[in-house]
Amino acid sequence: MNLQSASMTSKPEELVPSRYAVRIGEIDVLVVSDGVLPLPTTMLAHNAAPADRAAWLNNMFLPPDAFDWALNAVVVRSGDKTILIDAGLGSDPELHLPRAGQLIKRLEAAGIDLASVTDLVLTHMHMDHVGGLLVDGVKERLRKDLRIHVAAAELKFWEAPDFTHTNMPQGFPDALRAAAKRFAKEYSSQIRPFDDEHEVAPGVIVRRTGGHTPGHSVVRVASGGDALTFAGDAVFAVGFEQPEWHNGFEHDPEEAARVRIRLLRELAKTGELLVATHMPFPSVGHVAVAGDAFRWVPVFWDY
């Protein structure tokens, strides 16, 4: 039976999975897909020669002009805390992104009640990381005592954001400004800023890296000798082989490259798991050193 006839017979809600569970010692981690974001391929490396970028895309069997970037968020359960790391894109009809913004629906499908989330960690305040909580009706379903952890430098940056070093499609800078401003206003009473590092729960530490945005942060989950780092937007698919290529969403691309290289070296040394927002779902794997660059080693799925 082919996939089409199977879908017509069983009528599943989705043909492919949208969540993947990992156990880190005593801590449960669930990677949840927020969907995909179609973007121009120039966004991957606007400082690279077009021929070099085209060669990488061809070697990866990717289309030359635009392709679907994954959007991943993570739910962590540690002790009595349920922690959502990033909140997905939400809805911005003016940007015409109907295949993204699936997080709230997919959390429900995974049996995760929004009212059970005790903490939200934001790697940064780009729209595809905060927008899910700006969807109509979502705030009312959240706990009144929800704690939102974000770097103080990130909050400061979005008071007057600088886009002079970014390379984004038309409409994105305005949408990003508006979403960050609205989020900071609507959730001001629940935001708990930190400076450089903060323990959200036992074994769950958020650390500011800067680079992608001044307050960009990563989250490390560690328990029982196991560890996993959620890297947010510090790492993209092209960043292993070409860590110095600049992504169009980076507000300080040179610092972002330094952060990326430093983080990948750390992960290659420790051998721990890596998950990142825009790595292909479920984005669970290891980092290996490959000469002067790195190599992505996806895990074998554990069914």
Protein backbone atom coordinates (compact mmCIF):
# COMPACT_ATOMS: atom_id res chain seq x y z
CA MET A 1 0.00 0.00 0.00
CA ASN A 2 1.47 3.37 -0.96
CA LEU A 3 1.49 6.40 1.33
CA GLN A 4 -1.39 8.06 -0.44
CA SER A 5 -3.72 5.12 -0.15
CA ALA A 6 -2.61 4.49 3.42
CA SER A 7 -3.44 8.07 4.36
CA MET A 8 -6.82 7.79 2.69
CA THR A 9 -7.55 4.62 4.66
CA SER A 10 -6.26 5.53 8.12
CA LYS A 11 -6.67 9.32 7.83
CA PRO A 12 -3.84 10.23 10.22
CA GLU A 13 -3.63 13.87 11.29
CA GLU A 14 -0.04 14.01 10.04
CA LEU A 15 1.98 11.69 7.83
CA VAL A 16 5.25 12.39 9.64
CA PRO A 17 5.98 12.69 13.38
CA SER A 18 6.23 16.15 14.92
CA ARG A 19 7.73 15.25 18.29
CA TYR A 20 10.68 13.19 19.48
CA ALA A 21 11.49 12.22 23.08
CA VAL A 22 14.94 11.97 24.65
CA ARG A 23 15.84 10.95 28.19
CA ILE A 24 18.76 12.83 29.77
CA GLY A 25 19.46 11.03 33.03
CA GLU A 26 16.37 11.73 35.13
CA ILE A 27 15.19 14.58 32.91
CA ASP A 28 12.66 14.19 30.09
CA VAL A 29 13.24 16.20 26.92
CA LEU A 30 10.73 16.47 24.08
CA VAL A 31 11.65 18.11 20.78
CA VAL A 32 8.52 19.52 19.13
CA SER A 33 8.29 20.81 15.56
CA ASP A 34 6.70 24.21 15.02
CA GLY A 35 6.60 23.50 11.29
CA VAL A 36 8.81 24.90 8.54
CA LEU A 37 9.75 28.36 7.36
CA PRO A 38 10.41 28.82 3.62
CA LEU A 39 13.29 31.27 3.15
CA PRO A 40 15.72 32.28 0.40
CA THR A 41 18.93 30.25 0.36
CA THR A 42 20.98 33.47 0.47
CA MET A 43 19.93 33.66 4.12
CA LEU A 44 22.25 30.74 4.84
CA ALA A 45 25.43 32.57 3.88
CA HIS A 46 25.16 36.10 2.58
CA ASN A 47 28.94 36.59 2.92
CA ALA A 48 29.79 33.50 0.83
CA ALA A 49 30.53 33.53 -2.89
CA PRO A 50 27.35 32.57 -4.77
CA ALA A 51 29.15 29.67 -6.45
CA ASP A 52 30.32 28.30 -3.11
CA ARG A 53 26.85 28.58 -1.63
CA ALA A 54 25.33 26.93 -4.70
CA ALA A 55 27.85 24.08 -4.48
CA TRP A 56 26.98 23.43 -0.83
CA LEU A 57 23.26 23.41 -1.58
CA ASN A 58 23.79 21.04 -4.51
CA ASN A 59 25.89 18.70 -2.36
CA MET A 60 23.08 18.67 0.22
CA PHE A 61 20.43 17.93 -2.45
CA LEU A 62 18.73 21.23 -1.60
CA PRO A 63 17.05 23.58 -4.08
CA PRO A 64 19.13 26.57 -5.21
CA ASP A 65 16.75 29.44 -4.46
CA ALA A 66 14.63 28.67 -1.38
CA PHE A 67 14.01 25.77 0.97
CA ASP A 68 12.16 24.95 4.18
CA TRP A 69 13.94 25.74 7.41
CA ALA A 70 12.90 23.61 10.35
CA LEU A 71 11.47 25.27 13.44
CA ASN A 72 12.04 23.31 16.64
CA ALA A 73 11.14 24.00 20.26
CA VAL A 74 11.82 21.87 23.34
CA VAL A 75 9.88 20.86 26.45
CA VAL A 76 11.92 19.82 29.49
CA ARG A 77 10.56 18.15 32.62
CA SER A 78 12.88 18.36 35.60
CA GLY A 79 11.54 17.67 39.09
CA ASP A 80 8.25 19.52 39.49
CA LYS A 81 8.96 21.95 36.66
CA THR A 82 7.81 21.80 33.06
CA ILE A 83 9.94 24.13 30.97
CA LEU A 84 9.18 25.26 27.44
CA ILE A 85 12.23 26.45 25.54
CA ASP A 86 11.10 28.94 22.89
CA ALA A 87 7.51 29.41 21.79
CA GLY A 88 7.52 29.11 18.01
CA LEU A 89 6.38 31.52 15.31
CA GLY A 90 2.71 31.95 16.07
CA SER A 91 0.76 33.66 13.31
CA ASP A 92 1.74 36.56 11.07
CA PRO A 93 -0.48 36.42 7.99
CA GLU A 94 1.34 39.31 6.32
CA LEU A 95 4.46 37.16 5.96
CA HIS A 96 2.53 34.29 4.33
CA LEU A 97 4.00 31.46 6.43
CA PRO A 98 1.09 29.02 6.80
CA ARG A 99 3.26 25.93 7.40
CA ALA A 100 4.86 27.40 10.52
CA GLY A 101 3.27 28.30 13.85
CA GLN A 102 2.19 24.75 14.69
CA LEU A 103 3.66 24.54 18.21
CA ILE A 104 0.55 25.09 20.34
CA LYS A 105 -1.43 22.51 18.36
CA ARG A 106 1.42 20.02 18.54
CA LEU A 107 1.93 20.49 22.27
CA GLU A 108 -1.72 19.59 22.70
CA ALA A 109 -1.29 16.53 20.48
CA ALA A 110 1.61 15.48 22.72
CA GLY A 111 -0.63 15.71 25.80
CA ILE A 112 1.08 18.82 27.16
CA ASP A 113 -1.37 21.23 28.76
CA LEU A 114 -0.25 24.84 28.47
CA ALA A 115 -1.36 25.34 32.07
CA SER A 116 1.25 22.78 33.17
CA VAL A 117 4.16 24.88 31.86
CA THR A 118 5.87 26.49 34.86
CA ASP A 119 8.73 28.20 33.02
CA LEU A 120 9.49 29.56 29.56
CA VAL A 121 13.08 30.07 28.46
CA LEU A 122 13.71 32.29 25.45
CA THR A 123 16.94 31.77 23.56
CA HIS A 124 16.21 35.20 22.07
CA MET A 125 13.26 37.35 21.07
CA HIS A 126 13.03 36.85 17.33
CA MET A 127 9.44 36.34 16.22
CA ASP A 128 9.86 32.61 15.53
CA HIS A 129 10.81 32.13 19.20
CA VAL A 130 8.16 34.26 20.92
CA GLY A 131 5.23 34.40 18.50
CA GLY A 132 3.44 31.30 19.75
CA LEU A 133 2.51 33.12 22.96
CA LEU A 134 1.10 36.06 21.00
CA VAL A 135 -1.62 33.95 19.35
CA ASP A 136 -5.13 34.95 20.41
CA GLY A 137 -6.34 32.98 23.41
CA VAL A 138 -2.97 31.49 24.39
CA LYS A 139 -2.07 33.84 27.24
CA GLU A 140 -5.34 33.07 29.00
CA ARG A 141 -4.44 29.37 29.05
CA LEU A 142 -1.07 29.91 30.70
CA ARG A 143 -0.37 29.92 34.42
CA LYS A 144 -0.57 33.32 36.07
CA ASP A 145 2.74 32.56 37.79
CA LEU A 146 4.55 31.48 34.61
CA ARG A 147 8.19 32.56 34.82
CA ILE A 148 9.77 33.77 31.57
CA HIS A 149 13.57 33.66 31.54
CA VAL A 150 15.42 35.84 29.03
CA ALA A 151 18.78 37.58 29.10
CA ALA A 152 18.68 41.19 30.25
CA ALA A 153 20.85 42.12 27.26
CA GLU A 154 18.14 40.76 24.95
CA LEU A 155 15.43 42.88 26.51
CA LYS A 156 17.66 45.94 26.26
CA PHE A 157 18.49 45.26 22.61
CA TRP A 158 14.85 45.18 21.52
CA GLU A 159 14.19 48.62 22.96
CA ALA A 160 16.04 49.98 19.88
CA PRO A 161 17.18 47.03 17.72
CA ASP A 162 19.94 47.41 15.13
CA PHE A 163 19.36 45.62 11.81
CA THR A 164 22.26 47.16 9.89
CA HIS A 165 24.27 43.92 9.72
CA THR A 166 21.37 41.58 8.96
CA ASN A 167 20.27 40.42 5.50
CA MET A 168 16.56 39.56 5.76
CA PRO A 169 13.70 39.33 3.26
CA GLN A 170 11.45 42.36 3.00
CA GLY A 171 8.96 42.66 5.83
CA PHE A 172 10.90 40.61 8.36
CA PRO A 173 12.64 43.45 10.26
CA ASP A 174 9.33 45.24 10.89
CA ALA A 175 7.63 42.00 11.92
CA LEU A 176 10.47 41.10 14.29
CA ARG A 177 10.43 44.54 15.92
CA ALA A 178 6.69 44.44 16.39
CA ALA A 179 6.64 40.92 17.86
CA ALA A 180 9.46 41.57 20.34
CA LYS A 181 7.93 44.86 21.46
CA ARG A 182 4.49 43.31 21.90
CA PHE A 183 5.86 40.30 23.78
CA ALA A 184 7.88 42.44 26.20
CA LYS A 185 4.80 44.56 26.90
CA GLU A 186 2.22 41.77 27.26
CA TYR A 187 4.40 39.55 29.48
CA SER A 188 6.34 42.23 31.38
CA SER A 189 5.10 41.11 34.80
CA GLN A 190 6.25 37.52 34.21
CA ILE A 191 9.68 38.17 32.69
CA ARG A 192 12.61 37.21 34.90
CA PRO A 193 15.79 38.63 33.28
CA PHE A 194 19.21 37.13 33.98
CA ASP A 195 22.66 38.48 33.24
CA ASP A 196 24.94 35.66 32.06
CA GLU A 197 23.75 32.35 33.49
CA HIS A 198 20.73 31.07 35.38
CA GLU A 199 19.62 27.70 36.75
CA VAL A 200 15.97 27.30 35.74
CA ALA A 201 15.56 23.89 37.38
CA PRO A 202 17.89 21.17 38.68
CA GLY A 203 20.15 20.28 35.77
CA VAL A 204 18.71 22.95 33.45
CA ILE A 205 20.95 25.99 32.95
CA VAL A 206 20.49 28.83 30.47
CA ARG A 207 23.64 30.72 29.43
CA ARG A 208 23.97 33.89 27.40
CA THR A 209 26.24 33.59 24.36
CA GLY A 210 25.44 36.74 22.39
CA GLY A 211 26.26 36.85 18.70
CA HIS A 212 23.04 36.07 16.88
CA THR A 213 21.46 38.76 19.06
CA PRO A 214 23.16 40.44 22.03
CA GLY A 215 21.17 38.35 24.50
CA HIS A 216 21.05 35.09 22.55
CA SER A 217 21.32 32.16 24.95
CA VAL A 218 21.68 28.39 24.92
CA VAL A 219 20.18 25.90 27.37
CA ARG A 220 22.10 22.91 28.73
CA VAL A 221 20.29 19.96 30.28
CA ALA A 222 22.46 17.60 32.33
CA SER A 223 21.64 14.62 34.57
CA GLY A 224 23.23 11.31 35.47
CA GLY A 225 26.27 11.79 33.24
CA ASP A 226 24.15 12.64 30.16
CA ALA A 227 23.80 16.10 28.64
CA LEU A 228 22.04 17.92 25.83
CA THR A 229 22.44 21.50 24.66
CA PHE A 230 19.66 23.39 22.91
CA ALA A 231 21.60 25.89 20.82
CA GLY A 232 18.76 28.07 19.57
CA ASP A 233 20.01 29.96 16.52
CA ALA A 234 23.72 29.65 17.29
CA VAL A 235 23.99 26.75 14.81
CA PHE A 236 22.41 26.23 11.39
CA ALA A 237 22.73 23.29 9.01
CA VAL A 238 25.50 24.94 7.01
CA GLY A 239 27.40 25.98 10.13
CA PHE A 240 29.24 22.72 10.62
CA GLU A 241 31.14 22.67 7.34
CA GLN A 242 31.18 26.46 7.02
CA PRO A 243 31.02 27.92 10.54
CA GLU A 244 32.18 31.35 9.36
CA TRP A 245 29.37 31.82 6.85
CA HIS A 246 27.00 34.54 8.03
CA ASN A 247 23.31 33.90 8.48
CA GLY A 248 20.98 36.67 7.39
CA PHE A 249 19.25 36.86 10.78
CA GLU A 250 22.45 37.49 12.73
CA HIS A 251 22.63 40.99 14.17
CA ASP A 252 26.40 40.66 14.78
CA PRO A 253 27.53 38.05 12.24
CA GLU A 254 31.22 38.11 13.11
CA GLU A 255 30.53 37.56 16.81
CA ALA A 256 27.92 34.93 15.90
CA ALA A 257 30.59 33.01 13.99
CA ARG A 258 32.94 33.14 16.98
CA VAL A 259 30.13 31.95 19.28
CA ARG A 260 29.27 29.12 16.85
CA ILE A 261 32.85 27.88 16.59
CA ARG A 262 33.37 28.03 20.35
CA LEU A 263 30.12 26.16 21.02
CA LEU A 264 30.78 23.48 18.41
CA ARG A 265 34.25 22.90 19.84
CA GLU A 266 32.74 22.48 23.32
CA LEU A 267 30.14 20.01 22.08
CA ALA A 268 32.69 18.03 20.07
CA LYS A 269 34.85 17.77 23.19
CA THR A 270 32.07 16.68 25.55
CA GLY A 271 30.28 14.46 23.03
CA GLU A 272 26.91 15.56 24.37
CA LEU A 273 23.77 15.89 22.30
CA LEU A 274 22.91 18.99 20.31
CA VAL A 275 19.46 20.26 19.33
CA ALA A 276 18.97 23.55 17.47
CA THR A 277 16.00 25.54 16.27
CA HIS A 278 16.66 25.34 12.55
CA MET A 279 18.35 21.96 12.20
CA PRO A 280 16.19 19.37 10.40
CA PHE A 281 13.69 17.80 12.81
CA PRO A 282 14.25 16.17 15.26
CA SER A 283 17.63 17.87 15.26
CA VAL A 284 19.18 15.45 17.77
CA GLY A 285 22.80 14.55 17.14
CA HIS A 286 26.45 14.93 17.98
CA VAL A 287 29.23 17.24 16.79
CA ALA A 288 32.51 15.85 15.46
CA VAL A 289 35.65 17.72 14.43
CA ALA A 290 36.42 17.56 10.70
CA GLY A 291 39.75 19.23 9.99
CA ASP A 292 39.31 22.96 10.48
CA ALA A 293 35.53 22.63 10.60
CA PHE A 294 32.95 20.24 12.03
CA ARG A 295 30.67 17.37 11.11
CA TRP A 296 27.04 16.79 12.12
CA VAL A 297 26.31 13.22 13.26
CA PRO A 298 22.54 12.60 13.64
CA VAL A 299 21.51 10.05 16.24
CA PHE A 300 19.86 6.80 15.24
CA TRP A 301 16.20 7.25 16.11
CA ASP A 302 15.14 5.32 19.21
CA TYR A 303 11.59 4.08 18.61
